Every structure is written in C-alpha cells, then in structure tokens.
Protein backbone atom coordinates (compact mmCIF):
# COMPACT_ATOMS: atom_id res chain seq x y z
CA UNK A 1 -16.33 17.39 -94.40
CA UNK A 2 -15.99 13.42 -94.10
CA UNK A 3 -14.50 15.22 -90.06
CA UNK A 4 -18.15 16.83 -88.96
CA UNK A 5 -20.48 13.68 -90.50
CA UNK A 6 -20.41 9.59 -88.90
CA UNK A 7 -21.70 7.32 -91.59
CA UNK A 8 -23.89 4.80 -89.85
CA UNK A 9 -24.71 2.63 -92.87
CA UNK A 10 -27.29 0.56 -91.00
CA UNK A 11 -28.54 -1.00 -88.13
CA UNK A 12 -26.42 0.01 -85.45
CA UNK A 13 -25.70 -3.12 -83.68
CA UNK A 14 -27.09 -4.00 -80.42
CA UNK A 15 -24.51 -2.25 -77.44
CA UNK A 16 -23.83 1.03 -76.36
CA UNK A 17 -21.56 2.86 -79.20
CA UNK A 18 -20.68 6.55 -78.23
CA UNK A 19 -20.08 9.13 -81.36
CA UNK A 20 -18.68 11.96 -79.06
CA UNK A 21 -16.76 12.32 -75.75
CA UNK A 22 -15.67 14.85 -74.04
CA UNK A 23 -11.74 13.50 -74.17
CA UNK A 24 -11.86 11.89 -77.22
CA UNK A 25 -13.26 11.40 -80.82
CA UNK A 26 -15.02 15.12 -81.12
CA UNK A 27 -14.41 16.71 -77.84
CA UNK A 28 -14.98 20.26 -79.73
CA UNK A 29 -18.75 19.46 -78.99
CA UNK A 30 -17.79 19.45 -74.96
CA UNK A 31 -20.16 16.51 -74.55
CA UNK A 32 -20.42 12.98 -74.85
CA UNK A 33 -22.92 11.96 -76.74
CA UNK A 34 -23.80 7.43 -77.38
CA UNK A 35 -26.52 5.60 -78.91
CA UNK A 36 -27.54 2.52 -76.71
CA UNK A 37 -29.82 -0.38 -78.58
CA UNK A 38 -31.31 -2.36 -76.02
CA UNK A 39 -32.30 -5.99 -75.99
CA UNK A 40 -35.02 -7.06 -72.97
CA UNK A 41 -33.17 -7.18 -70.01
CA UNK A 42 -30.39 -4.15 -70.92
CA UNK A 43 -29.60 -1.88 -68.20
CA UNK A 44 -27.88 1.51 -69.22
CA UNK A 45 -26.34 3.09 -65.42
CA UNK A 46 -24.90 6.14 -65.19
CA UNK A 47 -23.67 7.92 -61.76
CA UNK A 48 -21.05 10.28 -62.73
CA UNK A 49 -20.90 13.17 -61.43
CA UNK A 50 -22.02 15.04 -64.79
CA UNK A 51 -24.80 16.43 -66.17
CA UNK A 52 -27.23 13.48 -68.03
CA UNK A 53 -30.11 13.32 -70.21
CA UNK A 54 -31.50 10.32 -71.83
CA UNK A 55 -33.94 10.27 -74.90
CA UNK A 56 -36.30 7.43 -75.22
CA UNK A 57 -36.37 6.84 -79.37
CA UNK A 58 -38.36 3.88 -79.79
CA UNK A 59 -39.66 0.88 -77.32
CA UNK A 60 -40.65 0.90 -73.89
CA UNK A 61 -38.14 0.97 -70.77
CA UNK A 62 -38.16 1.38 -67.06
CA UNK A 63 -36.46 4.96 -65.85
CA UNK A 64 -35.44 5.38 -62.57
CA UNK A 65 -33.58 7.99 -60.92
CA UNK A 66 -33.21 9.72 -57.43
CA UNK A 67 -35.77 7.04 -55.61
CA UNK A 68 -38.08 7.61 -58.54
CA UNK A 69 -39.77 4.73 -61.15
CA UNK A 70 -41.16 5.45 -64.41
CA UNK A 71 -42.14 3.37 -67.17
CA UNK A 72 -42.99 4.12 -71.13
CA UNK A 73 -43.22 3.31 -74.18
CA UNK A 74 -42.33 5.06 -77.37
CA UNK A 75 -43.60 2.76 -80.76
CA UNK A 76 -41.47 5.61 -83.28
CA UNK A 77 -40.28 8.61 -82.85
CA UNK A 78 -41.77 10.71 -85.88
CA UNK A 79 -45.90 9.93 -84.59
CA UNK A 80 -45.11 10.19 -80.82
CA UNK A 81 -43.62 13.06 -79.16
CA UNK A 82 -40.85 12.04 -76.71
CA UNK A 83 -39.40 11.05 -73.08
CA UNK A 84 -36.60 12.33 -71.58
CA UNK A 85 -34.81 12.08 -68.17
CA UNK A 86 -32.66 14.66 -67.56
CA UNK A 87 -30.71 15.06 -63.60
CA UNK A 88 -27.66 17.24 -62.67
CA UNK A 89 -24.68 15.80 -61.50
CA UNK A 90 -26.24 14.67 -58.06
CA UNK A 91 -28.28 12.01 -59.21
CA UNK A 92 -27.58 8.55 -60.22
CA UNK A 93 -29.83 7.36 -62.82
CA UNK A 94 -30.34 3.69 -65.11
CA UNK A 95 -32.64 2.17 -67.45
CA UNK A 96 -34.12 -0.62 -67.99
CA UNK A 97 -35.13 -2.41 -71.42
CA UNK A 98 -38.43 -4.28 -70.85
CA UNK A 99 -39.63 -4.61 -74.63
CA UNK A 100 -37.77 -7.24 -77.11
CA UNK A 101 -36.09 -3.83 -78.42
CA UNK A 102 -35.67 -0.41 -77.86
CA UNK A 103 -33.32 2.92 -78.27
CA UNK A 104 -32.00 5.33 -76.11
CA UNK A 105 -30.28 8.53 -76.60
CA UNK A 106 -27.06 9.27 -74.30
CA UNK A 107 -26.08 12.96 -73.18
CA UNK A 108 -23.51 13.79 -70.72
CA UNK A 109 -21.51 16.84 -70.12
CA UNK A 110 -19.82 19.29 -67.60
CA UNK A 111 -22.46 21.04 -65.19
CA UNK A 112 -20.65 22.53 -61.02
CA UNK A 113 -24.55 23.17 -60.59
CA UNK A 114 -27.70 21.49 -58.87
CA UNK A 115 -30.55 21.54 -60.02
CA UNK A 116 -32.26 18.31 -59.39
CA UNK A 117 -33.93 15.86 -62.08
CA UNK A 118 -37.05 16.17 -63.94
CA UNK A 119 -39.12 13.40 -66.77
CA UNK A 120 -40.34 14.83 -69.47
CA UNK A 121 -43.35 12.97 -71.08
CA UNK A 122 -45.23 13.20 -74.06
CA UNK A 123 -47.83 15.40 -72.96
CA UNK A 124 -44.91 18.02 -71.93
CA UNK A 125 -43.28 18.79 -75.45
CA UNK A 126 -46.34 19.08 -77.86
CA UNK A 127 -45.34 19.30 -81.52
CA UNK A 128 -44.65 23.06 -82.82
CA UNK A 129 -45.40 23.66 -86.70
CA UNK A 130 -42.97 25.33 -87.01
CA UNK A 131 -42.97 27.64 -90.15
CA UNK A 132 -46.52 27.01 -90.61
CA UNK A 133 -48.08 29.93 -93.31
CA UNK A 134 -44.83 31.17 -94.17
CA UNK A 135 -42.70 30.50 -97.39
CA UNK A 136 -45.68 28.39 -99.48
CA UNK A 137 -45.18 26.11 -96.67
CA UNK A 138 -41.84 24.88 -98.42
CA UNK A 139 -40.32 24.84 -94.44
CA UNK A 140 -43.04 24.05 -92.37
CA UNK A 141 -41.96 20.99 -89.80
CA UNK A 142 -42.66 19.55 -86.83
CA UNK A 143 -39.62 21.53 -83.68
CA UNK A 144 -40.55 19.49 -80.43
CA UNK A 145 -38.25 21.46 -77.77
CA UNK A 146 -37.74 19.25 -74.92
CA UNK A 147 -35.72 21.60 -72.85
CA UNK A 148 -33.41 24.85 -72.91
CA UNK A 149 -32.56 28.15 -71.51
CA UNK A 150 -36.28 29.14 -70.58
CA UNK A 151 -36.93 26.51 -68.77
CA UNK A 152 -33.80 24.72 -67.89
CA UNK A 153 -31.45 28.02 -67.10
CA UNK A 154 -28.88 26.13 -65.46
CA UNK A 155 -28.59 23.07 -67.18
CA UNK A 156 -25.85 23.38 -69.76
CA UNK A 157 -27.61 21.35 -72.35
CA UNK A 158 -30.81 22.11 -74.77
CA UNK A 159 -32.40 19.15 -75.75
CA UNK A 160 -35.15 19.06 -78.76
CA UNK A 161 -36.22 17.24 -82.00
CA UNK A 162 -37.20 17.83 -85.43
CA UNK A 163 -39.38 16.17 -88.31
CA UNK A 164 -38.82 17.38 -91.68
CA UNK A 165 -42.06 16.04 -94.26
CA UNK A 166 -41.53 15.18 -97.51
CA UNK A 167 -39.79 17.14 -99.84
CA UNK A 168 -39.49 20.63 -97.52
CA UNK A 169 -36.41 22.49 -95.90
CA UNK A 170 -36.05 22.31 -91.71
CA UNK A 171 -33.77 24.79 -89.74
CA UNK A 172 -34.42 27.32 -91.56
CA UNK A 173 -33.84 30.30 -92.51
CA UNK A 174 -29.97 29.64 -92.14
CA UNK A 175 -28.50 30.39 -88.58
CA UNK A 176 -25.46 29.67 -87.41
CA UNK A 177 -24.60 30.25 -83.27
CA UNK A 178 -21.76 30.08 -81.20
CA UNK A 179 -22.55 26.81 -79.41
CA UNK A 180 -22.00 23.40 -80.57
CA UNK A 181 -24.31 21.00 -81.72
CA UNK A 182 -24.93 18.11 -82.63
CA UNK A 183 -28.13 16.30 -85.07
CA UNK A 184 -28.32 12.85 -85.01
CA UNK A 185 -31.53 11.13 -87.30
CA UNK A 186 -33.67 7.98 -88.70
CA UNK A 187 -35.69 8.62 -91.62
CA UNK A 188 -39.52 7.32 -92.68
CA UNK A 189 -38.91 4.66 -94.35
CA UNK A 190 -35.61 3.68 -93.46
CA UNK A 191 -34.20 3.95 -96.96
CA UNK A 192 -34.87 7.61 -97.38
CA UNK A 193 -32.14 10.36 -96.91
CA UNK A 194 -32.32 13.82 -96.75
CA UNK A 195 -29.08 16.69 -97.61
CA UNK A 196 -27.59 18.93 -94.80
CA UNK A 197 -25.72 22.32 -94.82
CA UNK A 198 -22.69 23.36 -92.62
CA UNK A 199 -21.40 26.17 -94.15
CA UNK A 200 -20.37 25.83 -97.87
CA UNK A 201 -19.70 22.60 -97.92
CA UNK A 202 -23.48 19.63 -97.48
CA UNK A 203 -23.41 16.12 -96.72
CA UNK A 204 -25.75 13.41 -97.69
CA UNK A 205 -27.73 12.24 -94.51
CA UNK A 206 -29.06 9.04 -93.82
CA UNK A 207 -30.80 6.48 -91.01
CA UNK A 208 -29.06 6.34 -88.09
CA UNK A 209 -26.18 8.96 -89.11
CA UNK A 210 -24.78 11.33 -86.75
CA UNK A 211 -23.90 15.07 -87.68
CA UNK A 212 -21.40 17.33 -85.73
CA UNK A 213 -22.60 21.21 -86.18
CA UNK A 214 -19.15 23.12 -85.60
CA UNK A 215 -19.73 26.68 -84.04
CA UNK A 216 -20.50 29.40 -86.75
CA UNK A 217 -21.31 27.01 -89.31
CA UNK A 218 -24.77 27.40 -90.97
CA UNK A 219 -27.05 24.24 -91.17
CA UNK A 220 -30.47 24.40 -92.74
CA UNK A 221 -31.69 20.92 -93.64
CA UNK A 222 -33.91 19.49 -97.11
CA UNK A 223 -35.32 16.04 -96.69
CA UNK A 224 -36.21 13.61 -99.80
CA UNK A 225 -39.54 13.60 -101.61
CA UNK A 226 -41.32 10.72 -100.03
CA UNK A 227 -39.76 10.28 -96.96
CA UNK A 228 -39.42 12.03 -93.33
CA UNK A 229 -36.32 13.08 -91.63
CA UNK A 230 -36.05 13.01 -87.65
CA UNK A 231 -33.53 14.70 -86.15
CA UNK A 232 -32.37 14.77 -82.59
CA UNK A 233 -30.87 18.08 -81.53
CA UNK A 234 -28.48 19.03 -78.61
CA UNK A 235 -26.33 22.09 -78.07
CA UNK A 236 -23.99 22.63 -75.58
CA UNK A 237 -24.12 25.62 -73.67
CA UNK A 238 -20.69 27.86 -73.28
CA UNK A 239 -19.88 29.10 -70.02
CA UNK A 240 -21.22 32.23 -70.20
CA UNK A 241 -22.97 31.83 -73.58
CA UNK A 242 -25.69 30.27 -72.98
CA UNK A 243 -27.76 29.54 -76.21
CA UNK A 244 -30.92 32.09 -75.75
CA UNK A 245 -33.33 34.49 -77.24
CA UNK A 246 -32.73 36.31 -78.68
CA UNK A 247 -28.58 36.17 -79.39
CA UNK A 248 -29.19 32.78 -80.71
CA UNK A 249 -30.31 31.49 -82.78
CA UNK A 250 -28.39 34.38 -85.22
CA UNK A 251 -30.45 34.01 -89.29
CA UNK A 252 -28.55 35.66 -91.87
CA UNK A 253 -30.11 38.68 -92.75
CA UNK A 254 -30.15 38.32 -96.73
CA UNK A 255 -32.62 35.50 -96.05
CA UNK A 256 -34.52 36.79 -93.86
CA UNK A 257 -37.09 38.29 -96.28
CA UNK A 258 -38.81 35.20 -96.57
CA UNK A 259 -40.47 34.98 -93.34
CA UNK A 260 -42.11 37.83 -93.82
CA UNK A 261 -46.15 37.60 -93.63
CA UNK A 262 -46.60 39.49 -97.46
CA UNK A 263 -43.11 38.22 -99.25
CA UNK A 264 -43.72 37.36 -102.88
CA UNK A 265 -41.63 34.48 -104.77
CA UNK A 266 -41.30 33.60 -108.25
CA UNK A 267 -44.16 32.21 -110.12
CA UNK A 268 -46.84 34.54 -108.05
CA UNK A 269 -49.67 36.14 -109.67
C-alpha cells in the first residue's frame, strides 16, 4: 500500500510542497493538496478559476480575498479550533505569514459554480466529542467539521479535522464512501504515531505524513498510548454523488452493534 501514503520523515522544508495534483500524482483524488511551511513575509497566492480552501495549521497569517482582510493566529492545531478560508472560482486569495513560522494546508479542485467566499473562524467550528458515552469511551475523539454539504451545498470539497486521544480510536466504526479522501497528520508530541486501516491493509502514520484513501476502503484509525493524533480530512464530492447524510458514510453492518447505548462487551459484569 506504499502508493497510499507519503512519509514525511520529519519536518517539511520551508516552501510549498504539492502532495496531490489533479493532473499528476494521486490524480484519482480529484483535487490538489499542498502543505506550505512559511517564514515571516512568505506569501501564497491563488488566482486560478478553481474552488479553493486554505486551512491555517499553526502560526499567524493575513488572509486577503475579494477585497477583505483578516489576521488570525493559531498556536497549534490540537488546542485551538481551525481557521479556514473557502472561495469559489471567481475569487483570488492571498495569505501572508506574519509570525516567524506558520503552516497552511491548500486544497484546490474543479468547480464551475460561483458561491462566493467564507472565512471560518474558531468560533464557527466548536469541538464535537464524537463517540462520547459509547464503547467504554474507547472511540471518543474530537471532530471539527468546518464545512460540508449541509452548510456549503455548492462546494465540491468537504473539510474538517479530527483529534484522536491517546490510546483511542477514531473514524470508527469502520465505514466506507465512494468519494476519495485525504488525511494529513500531526502528532503530539511530534515523535508520536498511530495506525490507519486501508481496507485489508494497515499503515503506520507519523507527524506530517499524508494518506490517500481510495473509494470504498474502510479507514478507521488508532492512536498510540501517550500521544495525540490530529488529522485534516478533505473529501471530494463526486459529480451527481455528493458526500452527505444519510447516504454517506456507510458503516459496516457487522460492527454497528458497538454503537448501541446498552451494548455489552467482554469483561462487563
């Protein structure tokens, strides 16, 4: 499954690194995905006629779009909810690094629709403790859905974050969907790790790694004890088949019982 993961082997170099391209590597993801580690004064601009989403991972930056300006600082992606700018094909964007260092994630995809721009601030994406009260809390995790079909129906992207607690599972129970998805990881501390399922295969994920989830693959994750695992998740809608409830995700029926409030597990007395 080596084609499904890009190992970072440490910190990304400064500058923009494209990990998926619509006309190149991992074109089956149907989107561009890039990581830009910035120094103070560095600028990223995108004026192409494509849908754009820019996520601030950490640092302080200035967002500029469609005559608007906003400065935002994020100490880290574990403790602070996200800030993300989402724009349609008609708007250009510019992001300037104001701190000594910052990182942004860049997602681009084809979309002929004009739906404007929206800047999502931390107050717009509160932490959801998904799985709480179930499975003896072994799958409790923080989910931050920035935008999806429910609040951006004209978009071709779905964007969010997950934080897996030490020793617990996320993206669980196992589920599938026909749309491609990308996961990008941070660990806390940085020498941490976790494991991600991709159908019948498993990959070890570490700080700054990227995983490409093909349509139809189950992809639950577990986090090593002592560490936390953050990951960006971005899904590309398919034409005529958007990622939305109740069609997506599809949980494996044989594991749905674990979500029942009165479920009993081995060891219960």
